[in-house]
Amino acid sequence: MERVPILKIGDILLVSIQLDMSDQTAVALQEDLAERIVATGCHGVIIDITALDIVDSFVGRMLSTIASISKVLDAETVVVGMRPAVAITLVELGLSLNGIRTALNVERGMELIAAARPDELDDQLADDPDAETATL
């Protein structure tokens, strides 16, 4: 079984899917990614699907599941490189990618994750009145 490589760039994990996703490969990716998020403590996951010509309902659900798992583990997910045909297919299949942000490329995806971090920190500070004194 082939594995999808997961690269660490700062506090972001980059997953570039360069092969046809079988069901086994997708399940292995979910498990590998969850383990890497916990091991690295990263706060963002970018999934690059530029190489995918088509996405079936299983892969669409897999992306949504990965985003949900990542969110539970405190990591934002951004899918980048979606081709127009893939977007059309996902809409025609009625798949909504809940919890997934999309961007045209990896650079923009990294910007989205970086932009999300200050908001989360502000929310934490607003919820915890002692947090402000802890940062002084």
N, C-alpha and C. Protein backbone atom coordinates (compact mmCIF):
# COMPACT_ATOMS: atom_id res chain seq x y z
N MET A 1 0.84 -1.18 0.00
CA MET A 1 0.00 0.00 0.00
C MET A 1 0.89 1.25 0.00
N GLU A 2 0.54 2.19 -0.84
CA GLU A 2 1.28 3.43 -0.91
C GLU A 2 0.86 4.36 0.23
N ARG A 3 1.77 5.19 0.67
CA ARG A 3 1.50 6.18 1.70
C ARG A 3 1.65 7.57 1.11
N VAL A 4 0.86 8.49 1.58
CA VAL A 4 0.96 9.88 1.16
C VAL A 4 1.94 10.57 2.10
N PRO A 5 2.99 11.19 1.55
CA PRO A 5 3.96 11.86 2.43
C PRO A 5 3.35 13.08 3.12
N ILE A 6 3.77 13.29 4.36
CA ILE A 6 3.32 14.44 5.15
C ILE A 6 4.56 15.22 5.54
N LEU A 7 4.65 16.46 5.06
CA LEU A 7 5.82 17.29 5.32
C LEU A 7 5.48 18.34 6.36
N LYS A 8 6.44 18.66 7.23
CA LYS A 8 6.24 19.70 8.24
C LYS A 8 6.95 20.97 7.81
N ILE A 9 6.21 22.07 7.75
CA ILE A 9 6.78 23.39 7.43
C ILE A 9 6.35 24.32 8.55
N GLY A 10 7.27 24.65 9.45
CA GLY A 10 6.90 25.47 10.60
C GLY A 10 5.89 24.73 11.45
N ASP A 11 4.74 25.38 11.72
CA ASP A 11 3.69 24.69 12.48
C ASP A 11 2.56 24.23 11.57
N ILE A 12 2.91 23.97 10.31
CA ILE A 12 1.93 23.50 9.33
C ILE A 12 2.39 22.16 8.75
N LEU A 13 1.43 21.25 8.57
CA LEU A 13 1.72 20.00 7.88
C LEU A 13 1.20 20.13 6.45
N LEU A 14 2.03 19.75 5.49
CA LEU A 14 1.66 19.81 4.08
C LEU A 14 1.50 18.40 3.55
N VAL A 15 0.31 18.13 3.03
CA VAL A 15 0.00 16.83 2.44
C VAL A 15 -0.25 17.07 0.96
N SER A 16 0.62 16.53 0.12
CA SER A 16 0.44 16.68 -1.31
C SER A 16 0.06 15.32 -1.89
N ILE A 17 -1.18 15.21 -2.30
CA ILE A 17 -1.68 13.94 -2.82
C ILE A 17 -1.29 13.84 -4.29
N GLN A 18 -0.36 12.93 -4.57
CA GLN A 18 0.17 12.79 -5.93
C GLN A 18 -0.18 11.44 -6.54
N LEU A 19 -1.08 10.71 -5.93
CA LEU A 19 -1.44 9.39 -6.43
C LEU A 19 -2.95 9.21 -6.37
N ASP A 20 -3.43 8.20 -7.10
CA ASP A 20 -4.85 7.90 -7.02
C ASP A 20 -5.15 7.35 -5.64
N MET A 21 -6.18 7.90 -5.03
CA MET A 21 -6.50 7.52 -3.66
C MET A 21 -7.40 6.29 -3.64
N SER A 22 -6.83 5.18 -3.15
CA SER A 22 -7.66 4.01 -2.89
C SER A 22 -8.28 4.19 -1.51
N ASP A 23 -9.25 3.38 -1.18
CA ASP A 23 -9.87 3.48 0.14
C ASP A 23 -8.84 3.24 1.24
N GLN A 24 -7.95 2.25 1.03
CA GLN A 24 -6.93 1.95 2.05
C GLN A 24 -5.95 3.11 2.22
N THR A 25 -5.57 3.72 1.11
CA THR A 25 -4.65 4.85 1.18
C THR A 25 -5.28 6.01 1.93
N ALA A 26 -6.56 6.26 1.68
CA ALA A 26 -7.26 7.35 2.35
C ALA A 26 -7.36 7.11 3.85
N VAL A 27 -7.69 5.90 4.24
CA VAL A 27 -7.78 5.58 5.67
C VAL A 27 -6.40 5.71 6.33
N ALA A 28 -5.37 5.22 5.64
CA ALA A 28 -4.01 5.33 6.19
C ALA A 28 -3.61 6.80 6.32
N LEU A 29 -4.00 7.63 5.36
CA LEU A 29 -3.68 9.06 5.43
C LEU A 29 -4.35 9.69 6.65
N GLN A 30 -5.61 9.35 6.90
CA GLN A 30 -6.30 9.89 8.07
C GLN A 30 -5.54 9.54 9.35
N GLU A 31 -5.15 8.29 9.47
CA GLU A 31 -4.45 7.84 10.68
C GLU A 31 -3.06 8.49 10.79
N ASP A 32 -2.32 8.50 9.68
CA ASP A 32 -0.98 9.09 9.70
C ASP A 32 -1.04 10.58 10.04
N LEU A 33 -2.02 11.27 9.45
CA LEU A 33 -2.12 12.71 9.68
C LEU A 33 -2.49 13.02 11.14
N ALA A 34 -3.42 12.27 11.68
CA ALA A 34 -3.80 12.48 13.09
C ALA A 34 -2.60 12.26 14.00
N GLU A 35 -1.83 11.22 13.74
CA GLU A 35 -0.64 10.95 14.57
C GLU A 35 0.38 12.08 14.43
N ARG A 36 0.57 12.59 13.21
CA ARG A 36 1.56 13.67 12.99
C ARG A 36 1.10 14.98 13.64
N ILE A 37 -0.20 15.25 13.62
CA ILE A 37 -0.70 16.47 14.28
C ILE A 37 -0.39 16.42 15.77
N VAL A 38 -0.67 15.28 16.38
CA VAL A 38 -0.40 15.13 17.82
C VAL A 38 1.10 15.18 18.09
N ALA A 39 1.89 14.49 17.28
CA ALA A 39 3.34 14.42 17.51
C ALA A 39 4.02 15.77 17.34
N THR A 40 3.55 16.57 16.39
CA THR A 40 4.21 17.85 16.09
C THR A 40 3.57 19.03 16.79
N GLY A 41 2.30 18.89 17.20
CA GLY A 41 1.58 20.01 17.80
C GLY A 41 1.30 21.12 16.80
N CYS A 42 1.23 20.76 15.54
CA CYS A 42 1.01 21.76 14.50
C CYS A 42 -0.40 22.36 14.62
N HIS A 43 -0.57 23.53 14.05
CA HIS A 43 -1.86 24.21 14.11
C HIS A 43 -2.53 24.34 12.75
N GLY A 44 -1.91 23.79 11.71
CA GLY A 44 -2.51 23.88 10.38
C GLY A 44 -2.15 22.69 9.52
N VAL A 45 -3.09 22.33 8.65
CA VAL A 45 -2.89 21.25 7.70
C VAL A 45 -3.30 21.77 6.33
N ILE A 46 -2.40 21.63 5.37
CA ILE A 46 -2.71 21.99 3.99
C ILE A 46 -2.71 20.71 3.17
N ILE A 47 -3.82 20.47 2.50
CA ILE A 47 -3.93 19.29 1.64
C ILE A 47 -3.95 19.78 0.20
N ASP A 48 -2.91 19.44 -0.54
CA ASP A 48 -2.77 19.86 -1.93
C ASP A 48 -3.32 18.76 -2.83
N ILE A 49 -4.39 19.09 -3.55
CA ILE A 49 -5.01 18.10 -4.45
C ILE A 49 -4.83 18.50 -5.91
N THR A 50 -3.80 19.27 -6.19
CA THR A 50 -3.55 19.73 -7.55
C THR A 50 -3.45 18.56 -8.54
N ALA A 51 -2.86 17.46 -8.12
CA ALA A 51 -2.63 16.34 -9.02
C ALA A 51 -3.87 15.49 -9.25
N LEU A 52 -4.94 15.73 -8.52
CA LEU A 52 -6.15 14.92 -8.68
C LEU A 52 -7.01 15.45 -9.82
N ASP A 53 -7.25 14.60 -10.82
CA ASP A 53 -8.12 14.98 -11.94
C ASP A 53 -9.59 14.83 -11.58
N ILE A 54 -9.87 13.83 -10.79
CA ILE A 54 -11.25 13.59 -10.39
C ILE A 54 -11.28 13.25 -8.90
N VAL A 55 -12.41 13.56 -8.30
CA VAL A 55 -12.62 13.24 -6.89
C VAL A 55 -13.98 12.55 -6.80
N ASP A 56 -13.98 11.36 -6.24
CA ASP A 56 -15.26 10.68 -6.07
C ASP A 56 -15.83 11.01 -4.69
N SER A 57 -17.00 10.45 -4.43
CA SER A 57 -17.67 10.78 -3.16
C SER A 57 -16.86 10.30 -1.96
N PHE A 58 -16.14 9.17 -2.11
CA PHE A 58 -15.34 8.67 -0.99
C PHE A 58 -14.23 9.66 -0.63
N VAL A 59 -13.51 10.13 -1.65
CA VAL A 59 -12.42 11.07 -1.38
C VAL A 59 -12.98 12.38 -0.83
N GLY A 60 -14.13 12.82 -1.33
CA GLY A 60 -14.76 14.01 -0.80
C GLY A 60 -15.09 13.86 0.68
N ARG A 61 -15.66 12.72 1.04
CA ARG A 61 -15.97 12.47 2.45
C ARG A 61 -14.68 12.35 3.28
N MET A 62 -13.65 11.75 2.68
CA MET A 62 -12.37 11.62 3.37
C MET A 62 -11.78 12.99 3.71
N LEU A 63 -11.86 13.93 2.78
CA LEU A 63 -11.35 15.27 3.04
C LEU A 63 -12.12 15.92 4.19
N SER A 64 -13.43 15.74 4.18
CA SER A 64 -14.25 16.30 5.25
C SER A 64 -13.92 15.65 6.60
N THR A 65 -13.72 14.35 6.59
CA THR A 65 -13.38 13.63 7.83
C THR A 65 -12.02 14.08 8.36
N ILE A 66 -11.06 14.22 7.47
CA ILE A 66 -9.72 14.68 7.89
C ILE A 66 -9.83 16.06 8.52
N ALA A 67 -10.62 16.95 7.91
CA ALA A 67 -10.79 18.29 8.47
C ALA A 67 -11.40 18.22 9.87
N SER A 68 -12.38 17.34 10.04
CA SER A 68 -13.01 17.20 11.36
C SER A 68 -12.02 16.67 12.39
N ILE A 69 -11.24 15.67 12.01
CA ILE A 69 -10.24 15.11 12.92
C ILE A 69 -9.21 16.18 13.29
N SER A 70 -8.76 16.93 12.29
CA SER A 70 -7.77 17.98 12.52
C SER A 70 -8.31 19.03 13.46
N LYS A 71 -9.58 19.41 13.26
CA LYS A 71 -10.20 20.44 14.11
C LYS A 71 -10.25 19.99 15.56
N VAL A 72 -10.63 18.73 15.76
CA VAL A 72 -10.66 18.19 17.12
C VAL A 72 -9.26 18.24 17.75
N LEU A 73 -8.24 18.08 16.91
CA LEU A 73 -6.85 18.10 17.40
C LEU A 73 -6.25 19.51 17.34
N ASP A 74 -7.11 20.54 17.18
CA ASP A 74 -6.70 21.95 17.20
C ASP A 74 -5.84 22.35 16.01
N ALA A 75 -6.18 21.83 14.83
CA ALA A 75 -5.46 22.23 13.61
C ALA A 75 -6.48 22.61 12.53
N GLU A 76 -6.23 23.74 11.91
CA GLU A 76 -7.07 24.23 10.82
C GLU A 76 -6.68 23.51 9.53
N THR A 77 -7.68 23.14 8.70
CA THR A 77 -7.40 22.46 7.44
C THR A 77 -7.77 23.35 6.26
N VAL A 78 -6.86 23.42 5.29
CA VAL A 78 -7.11 24.15 4.06
C VAL A 78 -6.79 23.21 2.90
N VAL A 79 -7.73 23.05 1.99
CA VAL A 79 -7.51 22.26 0.78
C VAL A 79 -7.12 23.23 -0.33
N VAL A 80 -6.02 22.95 -1.00
CA VAL A 80 -5.54 23.85 -2.05
C VAL A 80 -5.41 23.10 -3.37
N GLY A 81 -5.42 23.88 -4.45
CA GLY A 81 -5.17 23.32 -5.77
C GLY A 81 -6.33 22.59 -6.40
N MET A 82 -7.54 22.90 -5.96
CA MET A 82 -8.69 22.20 -6.52
C MET A 82 -8.94 22.68 -7.95
N ARG A 83 -9.01 21.74 -8.86
CA ARG A 83 -9.29 22.07 -10.26
C ARG A 83 -10.78 22.34 -10.42
N PRO A 84 -11.14 23.15 -11.43
CA PRO A 84 -12.56 23.44 -11.66
C PRO A 84 -13.41 22.18 -11.84
N ALA A 85 -12.89 21.19 -12.57
CA ALA A 85 -13.66 19.96 -12.79
C ALA A 85 -13.92 19.23 -11.47
N VAL A 86 -12.95 19.28 -10.57
CA VAL A 86 -13.12 18.63 -9.27
C VAL A 86 -14.18 19.38 -8.46
N ALA A 87 -14.14 20.70 -8.48
CA ALA A 87 -15.13 21.49 -7.76
C ALA A 87 -16.53 21.22 -8.30
N ILE A 88 -16.65 21.16 -9.60
CA ILE A 88 -17.96 20.88 -10.23
C ILE A 88 -18.45 19.50 -9.81
N THR A 89 -17.56 18.52 -9.82
CA THR A 89 -17.95 17.16 -9.42
C THR A 89 -18.42 17.13 -7.98
N LEU A 90 -17.70 17.81 -7.08
CA LEU A 90 -18.10 17.81 -5.67
C LEU A 90 -19.49 18.42 -5.50
N VAL A 91 -19.75 19.50 -6.22
CA VAL A 91 -21.06 20.15 -6.12
C VAL A 91 -22.14 19.24 -6.70
N GLU A 92 -21.84 18.62 -7.85
CA GLU A 92 -22.82 17.71 -8.47
C GLU A 92 -23.12 16.51 -7.59
N LEU A 93 -22.11 16.06 -6.83
CA LEU A 93 -22.32 14.93 -5.92
C LEU A 93 -23.07 15.36 -4.65
N GLY A 94 -23.24 16.66 -4.49
CA GLY A 94 -23.94 17.16 -3.32
C GLY A 94 -23.09 17.13 -2.07
N LEU A 95 -21.78 17.07 -2.24
CA LEU A 95 -20.88 17.02 -1.08
C LEU A 95 -20.57 18.43 -0.62
N SER A 96 -20.81 18.69 0.63
CA SER A 96 -20.38 19.96 1.20
C SER A 96 -19.15 19.66 2.04
N LEU A 97 -18.15 20.44 1.89
CA LEU A 97 -16.91 20.22 2.61
C LEU A 97 -16.93 21.04 3.89
N ASN A 98 -17.78 20.62 4.81
CA ASN A 98 -17.91 21.33 6.08
C ASN A 98 -16.60 21.34 6.84
N GLY A 99 -16.26 22.51 7.35
CA GLY A 99 -15.05 22.64 8.14
C GLY A 99 -13.79 22.77 7.32
N ILE A 100 -13.92 22.77 6.01
CA ILE A 100 -12.74 22.87 5.16
C ILE A 100 -12.72 24.23 4.48
N ARG A 101 -11.61 24.91 4.62
CA ARG A 101 -11.39 26.13 3.87
C ARG A 101 -10.62 25.76 2.62
N THR A 102 -10.81 26.49 1.56
CA THR A 102 -10.12 26.20 0.32
C THR A 102 -9.32 27.43 -0.12
N ALA A 103 -8.27 27.18 -0.88
CA ALA A 103 -7.44 28.24 -1.44
C ALA A 103 -6.93 27.77 -2.79
N LEU A 104 -6.54 28.71 -3.62
CA LEU A 104 -6.10 28.34 -4.96
C LEU A 104 -4.74 27.66 -4.96
N ASN A 105 -3.86 28.01 -4.01
CA ASN A 105 -2.52 27.41 -4.00
C ASN A 105 -1.99 27.32 -2.58
N VAL A 106 -0.83 26.68 -2.44
CA VAL A 106 -0.24 26.44 -1.12
C VAL A 106 0.08 27.75 -0.41
N GLU A 107 0.61 28.71 -1.15
CA GLU A 107 0.97 30.00 -0.54
C GLU A 107 -0.25 30.66 0.08
N ARG A 108 -1.34 30.69 -0.64
CA ARG A 108 -2.58 31.30 -0.12
C ARG A 108 -3.12 30.48 1.06
N GLY A 109 -2.99 29.17 0.99
CA GLY A 109 -3.42 28.32 2.10
C GLY A 109 -2.65 28.62 3.37
N MET A 110 -1.34 28.83 3.23
CA MET A 110 -0.52 29.17 4.40
C MET A 110 -0.94 30.52 4.97
N GLU A 111 -1.30 31.45 4.10
CA GLU A 111 -1.76 32.75 4.57
C GLU A 111 -3.08 32.62 5.35
N LEU A 112 -3.98 31.76 4.87
CA LEU A 112 -5.25 31.55 5.57
C LEU A 112 -5.03 30.98 6.97
N ILE A 113 -4.12 30.02 7.06
CA ILE A 113 -3.85 29.42 8.37
C ILE A 113 -3.19 30.44 9.30
N ALA A 114 -2.25 31.20 8.77
CA ALA A 114 -1.60 32.22 9.59
C ALA A 114 -2.60 33.27 10.05
N ALA A 115 -3.52 33.64 9.19
CA ALA A 115 -4.53 34.65 9.55
C ALA A 115 -5.50 34.12 10.60
N ALA A 116 -5.74 32.84 10.60
CA ALA A 116 -6.69 32.25 11.56
C ALA A 116 -6.12 32.21 12.97
N ARG A 117 -4.82 32.12 13.10
CA ARG A 117 -4.21 31.99 14.43
C ARG A 117 -4.45 33.19 15.34
N PRO A 118 -4.25 34.43 14.90
CA PRO A 118 -4.48 35.54 15.84
C PRO A 118 -5.92 35.60 16.34
N ASP A 119 -6.89 35.27 15.47
CA ASP A 119 -8.29 35.27 15.90
C ASP A 119 -8.52 34.27 17.00
N GLU A 120 -7.94 33.08 16.85
CA GLU A 120 -8.12 32.07 17.87
C GLU A 120 -7.48 32.51 19.18
N LEU A 121 -6.30 33.10 19.09
CA LEU A 121 -5.64 33.56 20.30
C LEU A 121 -6.45 34.68 20.96
N ASP A 122 -7.01 35.58 20.15
CA ASP A 122 -7.85 36.65 20.70
C ASP A 122 -9.06 36.07 21.41
N ASP A 123 -9.69 35.03 20.80
CA ASP A 123 -10.85 34.39 21.42
C ASP A 123 -10.46 33.76 22.76
N GLN A 124 -9.29 33.12 22.80
CA GLN A 124 -8.85 32.50 24.05
C GLN A 124 -8.62 33.55 25.12
N LEU A 125 -8.02 34.65 24.72
CA LEU A 125 -7.78 35.73 25.68
C LEU A 125 -9.08 36.32 26.18
N ALA A 126 -10.06 36.46 25.29
CA ALA A 126 -11.35 37.02 25.68
C ALA A 126 -12.09 36.10 26.64
N ASP A 127 -11.94 34.78 26.45
CA ASP A 127 -12.62 33.81 27.30
C ASP A 127 -11.93 33.64 28.65
N ASP A 128 -10.66 33.92 28.73
CA ASP A 128 -9.89 33.70 29.95
C ASP A 128 -9.31 35.02 30.45
N PRO A 129 -9.94 35.65 31.45
CA PRO A 129 -9.46 36.95 31.91
C PRO A 129 -8.05 36.89 32.51
N ASP A 130 -7.64 35.74 33.02
CA ASP A 130 -6.29 35.60 33.57
C ASP A 130 -5.24 35.44 32.49
N ALA A 131 -5.68 35.07 31.27
CA ALA A 131 -4.72 34.84 30.19
C ALA A 131 -3.96 36.11 29.84
N GLU A 132 -4.63 37.26 29.93
CA GLU A 132 -3.96 38.51 29.57
C GLU A 132 -2.79 38.79 30.51
N THR A 133 -2.97 38.55 31.78
CA THR A 133 -1.88 38.79 32.71
C THR A 133 -0.79 37.76 32.54
N ALA A 134 -1.15 36.57 32.06
CA ALA A 134 -0.15 35.53 31.88
C ALA A 134 0.79 35.85 30.73
N THR A 135 0.33 36.67 29.78
CA THR A 135 1.17 36.98 28.63
C THR A 135 2.06 38.18 28.87
N LEU A 136 1.87 38.89 30.00
CA LEU A 136 2.69 40.07 30.25
C LEU A 136 4.08 39.71 30.69
